Amino acid sequence: MKNFNLSNLILFILVSGLIFFSATEVNVNSDKSVKSSSNEIMHEKDYVNKYCNGEVEYILPDKTRIDCLTDEYAIEFDYAKKWAESVGQSLYYAKKTGKKPAVAIILNKESDRKYIQRINDVDKDITIFEIYTNDFKKQN
């Protein structure tokens, strides 16, 4: 009988937790968008469209997409926290296209600069373009 009561208690706790979390609004700041001070939501693709001086969303034969392909660079745009992913993608795209690898890193705050150093530590031959959000600019 004790096992039955214990399992009922565990089930009650789990169900209560699910009900609580489903009724509670959770606000998560994803890396896919940033609200600027003017409350304008800026998505990664908005930065690509604003700063790419080449072909946007160039599709390779394997169906992967390069954010920005120029005469010189294969550029991956990403928020600073996703620095490692952007490095891997830019190196892959550079190999596939014969272009130089580059990343356009979107910085939200001063502490994001540590990710720039990490990219340099991995490979000094990767060109880094720094993009500053409006909130970052207002902090400085």
N, C-alpha and C. Protein backbone atom coordinates (compact mmCIF):
# COMPACT_ATOMS: atom_id res chain seq x y z
N MET A 1 0.81 -1.18 0.00
CA MET A 1 0.00 0.00 0.00
C MET A 1 0.87 1.26 0.00
N LYS A 2 2.04 1.20 0.65
CA LYS A 2 2.93 2.37 0.68
C LYS A 2 3.40 2.73 -0.72
N ASN A 3 3.75 1.74 -1.54
CA ASN A 3 4.18 2.03 -2.91
C ASN A 3 3.08 2.71 -3.71
N PHE A 4 1.85 2.28 -3.51
CA PHE A 4 0.73 2.87 -4.22
C PHE A 4 0.58 4.34 -3.84
N ASN A 5 0.67 4.66 -2.55
CA ASN A 5 0.55 6.04 -2.10
C ASN A 5 1.73 6.89 -2.55
N LEU A 6 2.92 6.33 -2.54
CA LEU A 6 4.09 7.06 -2.99
C LEU A 6 4.01 7.37 -4.47
N SER A 7 3.58 6.39 -5.24
CA SER A 7 3.46 6.63 -6.69
C SER A 7 2.35 7.64 -6.98
N ASN A 8 1.28 7.62 -6.19
CA ASN A 8 0.23 8.64 -6.36
C ASN A 8 0.76 10.03 -6.03
N LEU A 9 1.58 10.12 -5.00
CA LEU A 9 2.17 11.40 -4.61
C LEU A 9 3.09 11.92 -5.72
N ILE A 10 3.92 11.06 -6.25
CA ILE A 10 4.83 11.45 -7.34
C ILE A 10 4.03 11.91 -8.55
N LEU A 11 3.01 11.16 -8.91
CA LEU A 11 2.14 11.51 -10.03
C LEU A 11 1.48 12.87 -9.79
N PHE A 12 1.00 13.10 -8.56
CA PHE A 12 0.36 14.37 -8.21
C PHE A 12 1.35 15.53 -8.38
N ILE A 13 2.57 15.35 -7.92
CA ILE A 13 3.59 16.40 -8.02
C ILE A 13 3.90 16.70 -9.49
N LEU A 14 4.06 15.65 -10.29
CA LEU A 14 4.35 15.84 -11.72
C LEU A 14 3.22 16.57 -12.43
N VAL A 15 1.99 16.14 -12.19
CA VAL A 15 0.83 16.76 -12.84
C VAL A 15 0.68 18.21 -12.37
N SER A 16 0.87 18.45 -11.08
CA SER A 16 0.78 19.82 -10.56
C SER A 16 1.82 20.71 -11.20
N GLY A 17 3.00 20.20 -11.35
CA GLY A 17 4.07 20.96 -11.99
C GLY A 17 3.74 21.28 -13.44
N LEU A 18 3.21 20.31 -14.16
CA LEU A 18 2.83 20.55 -15.55
C LEU A 18 1.73 21.59 -15.66
N ILE A 19 0.75 21.50 -14.78
CA ILE A 19 -0.34 22.47 -14.79
C ILE A 19 0.20 23.86 -14.47
N PHE A 20 1.07 23.96 -13.48
CA PHE A 20 1.65 25.25 -13.11
C PHE A 20 2.42 25.87 -14.27
N PHE A 21 3.30 25.08 -14.90
CA PHE A 21 4.13 25.62 -15.97
C PHE A 21 3.33 25.90 -17.24
N SER A 22 2.29 25.14 -17.50
CA SER A 22 1.48 25.43 -18.68
C SER A 22 0.65 26.68 -18.49
N ALA A 23 0.34 27.03 -17.23
CA ALA A 23 -0.46 28.23 -16.96
C ALA A 23 0.41 29.46 -16.75
N THR A 24 1.70 29.28 -16.64
CA THR A 24 2.62 30.38 -16.38
C THR A 24 3.29 30.81 -17.68
N GLU A 25 3.28 32.11 -17.94
CA GLU A 25 3.95 32.62 -19.13
C GLU A 25 5.44 32.68 -18.85
N VAL A 26 6.20 32.06 -19.71
CA VAL A 26 7.65 32.06 -19.55
C VAL A 26 8.23 32.92 -20.66
N ASN A 27 9.04 33.91 -20.29
CA ASN A 27 9.65 34.80 -21.26
C ASN A 27 11.11 34.42 -21.41
N VAL A 28 11.47 33.93 -22.57
CA VAL A 28 12.84 33.52 -22.84
C VAL A 28 13.39 34.39 -23.94
N ASN A 29 14.57 34.98 -23.74
CA ASN A 29 15.23 35.78 -24.77
C ASN A 29 16.02 34.82 -25.65
N SER A 30 15.50 34.52 -26.83
CA SER A 30 16.21 33.60 -27.73
C SER A 30 17.30 34.34 -28.46
N ASP A 31 18.21 33.60 -29.03
CA ASP A 31 19.29 34.19 -29.81
C ASP A 31 18.82 34.59 -31.20
N LYS A 32 17.60 34.27 -31.57
CA LYS A 32 17.13 34.55 -32.91
C LYS A 32 16.68 35.99 -33.09
N SER A 33 16.35 36.69 -32.03
CA SER A 33 15.92 38.07 -32.19
C SER A 33 16.30 38.90 -30.98
N VAL A 34 16.38 40.20 -31.21
CA VAL A 34 16.72 41.14 -30.14
C VAL A 34 15.80 42.33 -30.29
N LYS A 35 15.24 42.80 -29.19
CA LYS A 35 14.47 44.03 -29.26
C LYS A 35 15.42 45.19 -29.10
N SER A 36 15.37 46.11 -30.02
CA SER A 36 16.18 47.30 -29.90
C SER A 36 15.47 48.26 -28.95
N SER A 37 16.10 49.36 -28.61
CA SER A 37 15.51 50.32 -27.69
C SER A 37 14.19 50.87 -28.21
N SER A 38 14.02 50.88 -29.51
CA SER A 38 12.77 51.38 -30.10
C SER A 38 11.71 50.30 -30.15
N ASN A 39 11.95 49.16 -29.48
CA ASN A 39 11.05 48.01 -29.44
C ASN A 39 10.89 47.34 -30.81
N GLU A 40 11.75 47.67 -31.74
CA GLU A 40 11.75 47.02 -33.05
C GLU A 40 12.48 45.69 -32.90
N ILE A 41 11.84 44.60 -33.31
CA ILE A 41 12.49 43.30 -33.19
C ILE A 41 13.43 43.11 -34.37
N MET A 42 14.68 42.82 -34.07
CA MET A 42 15.69 42.58 -35.09
C MET A 42 16.04 41.10 -35.08
N HIS A 43 15.77 40.43 -36.18
CA HIS A 43 16.11 39.03 -36.33
C HIS A 43 17.44 38.92 -37.06
N GLU A 44 18.05 37.75 -36.95
CA GLU A 44 19.32 37.52 -37.65
C GLU A 44 19.21 37.87 -39.13
N LYS A 45 18.12 37.45 -39.76
CA LYS A 45 17.95 37.71 -41.20
C LYS A 45 17.88 39.20 -41.49
N ASP A 46 17.40 40.02 -40.53
CA ASP A 46 17.36 41.46 -40.74
C ASP A 46 18.78 42.02 -40.83
N TYR A 47 19.67 41.49 -40.01
CA TYR A 47 21.07 41.93 -40.08
C TYR A 47 21.71 41.48 -41.38
N VAL A 48 21.39 40.27 -41.82
CA VAL A 48 21.92 39.78 -43.10
C VAL A 48 21.47 40.72 -44.21
N ASN A 49 20.18 41.01 -44.26
CA ASN A 49 19.66 41.89 -45.31
C ASN A 49 20.24 43.30 -45.24
N LYS A 50 20.52 43.77 -44.04
CA LYS A 50 21.04 45.12 -43.88
C LYS A 50 22.53 45.23 -44.25
N TYR A 51 23.32 44.21 -43.89
CA TYR A 51 24.77 44.33 -44.02
C TYR A 51 25.41 43.50 -45.14
N CYS A 52 24.69 42.58 -45.75
CA CYS A 52 25.30 41.74 -46.78
C CYS A 52 25.45 42.52 -48.07
N ASN A 53 26.68 42.59 -48.56
CA ASN A 53 26.97 43.23 -49.84
C ASN A 53 27.30 42.15 -50.88
N GLY A 54 26.49 41.13 -50.90
CA GLY A 54 26.68 40.02 -51.82
C GLY A 54 25.36 39.31 -51.99
N GLU A 55 25.43 38.02 -52.27
CA GLU A 55 24.22 37.23 -52.45
C GLU A 55 23.74 36.69 -51.11
N VAL A 56 22.50 36.99 -50.78
CA VAL A 56 21.88 36.54 -49.53
C VAL A 56 21.30 35.14 -49.72
N GLU A 57 21.53 34.28 -48.71
CA GLU A 57 20.98 32.91 -48.71
C GLU A 57 21.39 32.12 -49.95
N TYR A 58 22.68 32.13 -50.23
CA TYR A 58 23.20 31.35 -51.35
C TYR A 58 23.07 29.86 -51.02
N ILE A 59 22.46 29.10 -51.92
CA ILE A 59 22.20 27.68 -51.66
C ILE A 59 23.26 26.82 -52.33
N LEU A 60 23.91 25.99 -51.52
CA LEU A 60 24.91 25.04 -52.03
C LEU A 60 24.20 23.79 -52.57
N PRO A 61 24.91 22.98 -53.36
CA PRO A 61 24.30 21.75 -53.90
C PRO A 61 23.73 20.81 -52.83
N ASP A 62 24.31 20.83 -51.62
CA ASP A 62 23.80 19.97 -50.54
C ASP A 62 22.63 20.60 -49.79
N LYS A 63 22.12 21.72 -50.32
CA LYS A 63 20.95 22.44 -49.78
C LYS A 63 21.24 23.25 -48.52
N THR A 64 22.49 23.35 -48.10
CA THR A 64 22.83 24.25 -47.00
C THR A 64 22.85 25.67 -47.57
N ARG A 65 22.63 26.64 -46.68
CA ARG A 65 22.51 28.03 -47.13
C ARG A 65 23.57 28.90 -46.47
N ILE A 66 24.27 29.62 -47.30
CA ILE A 66 25.24 30.58 -46.82
C ILE A 66 24.50 31.90 -46.60
N ASP A 67 24.63 32.48 -45.42
CA ASP A 67 23.92 33.73 -45.15
C ASP A 67 24.26 34.81 -46.16
N CYS A 68 25.56 34.93 -46.47
CA CYS A 68 26.01 35.99 -47.38
C CYS A 68 27.25 35.51 -48.13
N LEU A 69 27.16 35.49 -49.44
CA LEU A 69 28.31 35.09 -50.26
C LEU A 69 28.73 36.28 -51.10
N THR A 70 29.99 36.71 -50.91
CA THR A 70 30.53 37.83 -51.68
C THR A 70 31.61 37.29 -52.62
N ASP A 71 32.21 38.18 -53.38
CA ASP A 71 33.30 37.76 -54.27
C ASP A 71 34.48 37.20 -53.48
N GLU A 72 34.62 37.66 -52.22
CA GLU A 72 35.77 37.26 -51.40
C GLU A 72 35.44 36.31 -50.26
N TYR A 73 34.24 36.46 -49.67
CA TYR A 73 33.93 35.75 -48.42
C TYR A 73 32.65 34.90 -48.48
N ALA A 74 32.67 33.83 -47.67
CA ALA A 74 31.47 33.09 -47.30
C ALA A 74 31.20 33.48 -45.85
N ILE A 75 30.15 34.25 -45.62
CA ILE A 75 29.91 34.87 -44.32
C ILE A 75 28.70 34.25 -43.63
N GLU A 76 28.91 33.84 -42.38
CA GLU A 76 27.84 33.34 -41.54
C GLU A 76 27.52 34.42 -40.50
N PHE A 77 26.26 34.82 -40.41
CA PHE A 77 25.80 35.80 -39.43
C PHE A 77 25.25 35.03 -38.24
N ASP A 78 25.62 35.46 -37.03
CA ASP A 78 25.07 34.85 -35.82
C ASP A 78 25.26 35.77 -34.64
N TYR A 79 24.42 35.55 -33.62
CA TYR A 79 24.61 36.26 -32.36
C TYR A 79 25.85 35.71 -31.67
N ALA A 80 26.47 36.56 -30.87
CA ALA A 80 27.77 36.25 -30.27
C ALA A 80 27.79 34.92 -29.53
N LYS A 81 26.73 34.60 -28.80
CA LYS A 81 26.71 33.36 -28.02
C LYS A 81 26.81 32.12 -28.92
N LYS A 82 26.47 32.27 -30.19
CA LYS A 82 26.53 31.14 -31.11
C LYS A 82 27.81 31.17 -31.94
N TRP A 83 28.86 31.70 -31.37
CA TRP A 83 30.12 31.89 -32.08
C TRP A 83 30.68 30.59 -32.65
N ALA A 84 30.62 29.50 -31.90
CA ALA A 84 31.21 28.24 -32.35
C ALA A 84 30.46 27.69 -33.56
N GLU A 85 29.16 27.79 -33.53
CA GLU A 85 28.36 27.34 -34.67
C GLU A 85 28.70 28.16 -35.91
N SER A 86 28.84 29.47 -35.74
CA SER A 86 29.15 30.33 -36.88
C SER A 86 30.53 30.02 -37.47
N VAL A 87 31.48 29.69 -36.61
CA VAL A 87 32.83 29.34 -37.08
C VAL A 87 32.77 28.07 -37.93
N GLY A 88 32.11 27.06 -37.41
CA GLY A 88 32.01 25.80 -38.16
C GLY A 88 31.33 25.99 -39.50
N GLN A 89 30.25 26.73 -39.52
CA GLN A 89 29.54 26.96 -40.77
C GLN A 89 30.39 27.75 -41.75
N SER A 90 31.04 28.79 -41.29
CA SER A 90 31.84 29.60 -42.22
C SER A 90 33.00 28.80 -42.80
N LEU A 91 33.63 27.96 -41.99
CA LEU A 91 34.73 27.12 -42.51
C LEU A 91 34.20 26.13 -43.55
N TYR A 92 33.06 25.54 -43.28
CA TYR A 92 32.47 24.60 -44.23
C TYR A 92 32.12 25.30 -45.54
N TYR A 93 31.46 26.45 -45.44
CA TYR A 93 31.05 27.19 -46.63
C TYR A 93 32.26 27.67 -47.43
N ALA A 94 33.31 28.06 -46.74
CA ALA A 94 34.53 28.49 -47.43
C ALA A 94 35.14 27.33 -48.23
N LYS A 95 35.16 26.16 -47.64
CA LYS A 95 35.69 24.97 -48.33
C LYS A 95 34.86 24.65 -49.57
N LYS A 96 33.56 24.75 -49.44
CA LYS A 96 32.66 24.40 -50.54
C LYS A 96 32.66 25.42 -51.68
N THR A 97 33.04 26.67 -51.38
CA THR A 97 32.96 27.73 -52.39
C THR A 97 34.32 28.24 -52.86
N GLY A 98 35.38 27.92 -52.13
CA GLY A 98 36.69 28.47 -52.47
C GLY A 98 36.86 29.90 -52.01
N LYS A 99 35.94 30.39 -51.19
CA LYS A 99 36.03 31.75 -50.64
C LYS A 99 36.71 31.72 -49.28
N LYS A 100 37.01 32.90 -48.74
CA LYS A 100 37.58 33.00 -47.40
C LYS A 100 36.46 32.88 -46.37
N PRO A 101 36.75 32.22 -45.23
CA PRO A 101 35.73 32.13 -44.18
C PRO A 101 35.60 33.45 -43.43
N ALA A 102 34.35 33.80 -43.13
CA ALA A 102 34.09 35.02 -42.36
C ALA A 102 32.83 34.83 -41.52
N VAL A 103 32.80 35.52 -40.40
CA VAL A 103 31.61 35.54 -39.55
C VAL A 103 31.23 36.99 -39.28
N ALA A 104 29.95 37.23 -39.24
CA ALA A 104 29.41 38.53 -38.82
C ALA A 104 28.76 38.27 -37.48
N ILE A 105 29.42 38.74 -36.42
CA ILE A 105 28.98 38.47 -35.06
C ILE A 105 28.17 39.65 -34.54
N ILE A 106 26.95 39.35 -34.09
CA ILE A 106 26.04 40.38 -33.59
C ILE A 106 26.22 40.49 -32.08
N LEU A 107 26.68 41.65 -31.64
CA LEU A 107 26.98 41.90 -30.23
C LEU A 107 25.85 42.67 -29.56
N ASN A 108 25.35 42.13 -28.44
CA ASN A 108 24.28 42.77 -27.68
C ASN A 108 24.81 43.61 -26.52
N LYS A 109 25.98 43.23 -26.01
CA LYS A 109 26.52 43.91 -24.83
C LYS A 109 28.04 43.75 -24.81
N GLU A 110 28.67 44.54 -23.99
CA GLU A 110 30.14 44.56 -23.91
C GLU A 110 30.72 43.19 -23.60
N SER A 111 30.08 42.44 -22.73
CA SER A 111 30.61 41.13 -22.35
C SER A 111 30.62 40.13 -23.52
N ASP A 112 29.88 40.42 -24.59
CA ASP A 112 29.89 39.55 -25.77
C ASP A 112 31.24 39.56 -26.50
N ARG A 113 32.07 40.54 -26.20
CA ARG A 113 33.39 40.61 -26.87
C ARG A 113 34.26 39.38 -26.59
N LYS A 114 34.00 38.68 -25.50
CA LYS A 114 34.78 37.48 -25.19
C LYS A 114 34.65 36.45 -26.30
N TYR A 115 33.51 36.45 -26.99
CA TYR A 115 33.30 35.48 -28.07
C TYR A 115 34.16 35.82 -29.29
N ILE A 116 34.44 37.09 -29.49
CA ILE A 116 35.34 37.50 -30.57
C ILE A 116 36.73 36.91 -30.31
N GLN A 117 37.17 36.98 -29.07
CA GLN A 117 38.48 36.41 -28.71
C GLN A 117 38.49 34.90 -28.93
N ARG A 118 37.41 34.24 -28.61
CA ARG A 118 37.35 32.79 -28.81
C ARG A 118 37.49 32.43 -30.29
N ILE A 119 36.85 33.22 -31.15
CA ILE A 119 36.98 32.96 -32.59
C ILE A 119 38.43 33.13 -33.00
N ASN A 120 39.07 34.19 -32.54
CA ASN A 120 40.49 34.42 -32.86
C ASN A 120 41.37 33.29 -32.32
N ASP A 121 41.02 32.76 -31.16
CA ASP A 121 41.79 31.65 -30.59
C ASP A 121 41.67 30.38 -31.43
N VAL A 122 40.53 30.19 -32.06
CA VAL A 122 40.30 29.00 -32.89
C VAL A 122 41.05 29.11 -34.20
N ASP A 123 40.91 30.25 -34.88
CA ASP A 123 41.50 30.40 -36.21
C ASP A 123 41.63 31.87 -36.55
N LYS A 124 42.84 32.38 -36.56
CA LYS A 124 43.07 33.79 -36.85
C LYS A 124 42.79 34.15 -38.31
N ASP A 125 42.62 33.14 -39.16
CA ASP A 125 42.35 33.40 -40.57
C ASP A 125 40.87 33.64 -40.87
N ILE A 126 40.03 33.47 -39.87
CA ILE A 126 38.61 33.76 -40.08
C ILE A 126 38.40 35.27 -39.90
N THR A 127 37.86 35.90 -40.93
CA THR A 127 37.58 37.32 -40.85
C THR A 127 36.34 37.53 -39.99
N ILE A 128 36.41 38.51 -39.10
CA ILE A 128 35.30 38.79 -38.18
C ILE A 128 34.77 40.19 -38.47
N PHE A 129 33.47 40.25 -38.77
CA PHE A 129 32.77 41.52 -38.90
C PHE A 129 31.91 41.68 -37.66
N GLU A 130 32.10 42.78 -36.93
CA GLU A 130 31.34 43.01 -35.72
C GLU A 130 30.13 43.89 -36.03
N ILE A 131 28.97 43.44 -35.58
CA ILE A 131 27.73 44.20 -35.74
C ILE A 131 27.21 44.49 -34.34
N TYR A 132 26.86 45.75 -34.10
CA TYR A 132 26.40 46.16 -32.78
C TYR A 132 24.91 46.46 -32.81
N THR A 133 24.16 45.85 -31.89
CA THR A 133 22.75 46.16 -31.78
C THR A 133 22.59 47.58 -31.24
N ASN A 134 21.40 48.14 -31.40
CA ASN A 134 21.14 49.49 -30.88
C ASN A 134 21.33 49.55 -29.38
N ASP A 135 20.95 48.50 -28.67
CA ASP A 135 21.13 48.48 -27.22
C ASP A 135 22.60 48.51 -26.84
N PHE A 136 23.43 47.80 -27.60
CA PHE A 136 24.87 47.79 -27.32
C PHE A 136 25.43 49.21 -27.52
N LYS A 137 25.04 49.86 -28.59
CA LYS A 137 25.53 51.21 -28.89
C LYS A 137 25.16 52.18 -27.77
N LYS A 138 23.96 52.04 -27.21
CA LYS A 138 23.52 52.95 -26.15
C LYS A 138 24.29 52.75 -24.85
N GLN A 139 24.82 51.54 -24.65
CA GLN A 139 25.60 51.26 -23.43
C GLN A 139 26.96 51.94 -23.47
N ASN A 140 27.45 52.22 -24.65
CA ASN A 140 28.82 52.77 -24.80
C ASN A 140 28.84 54.22 -25.11
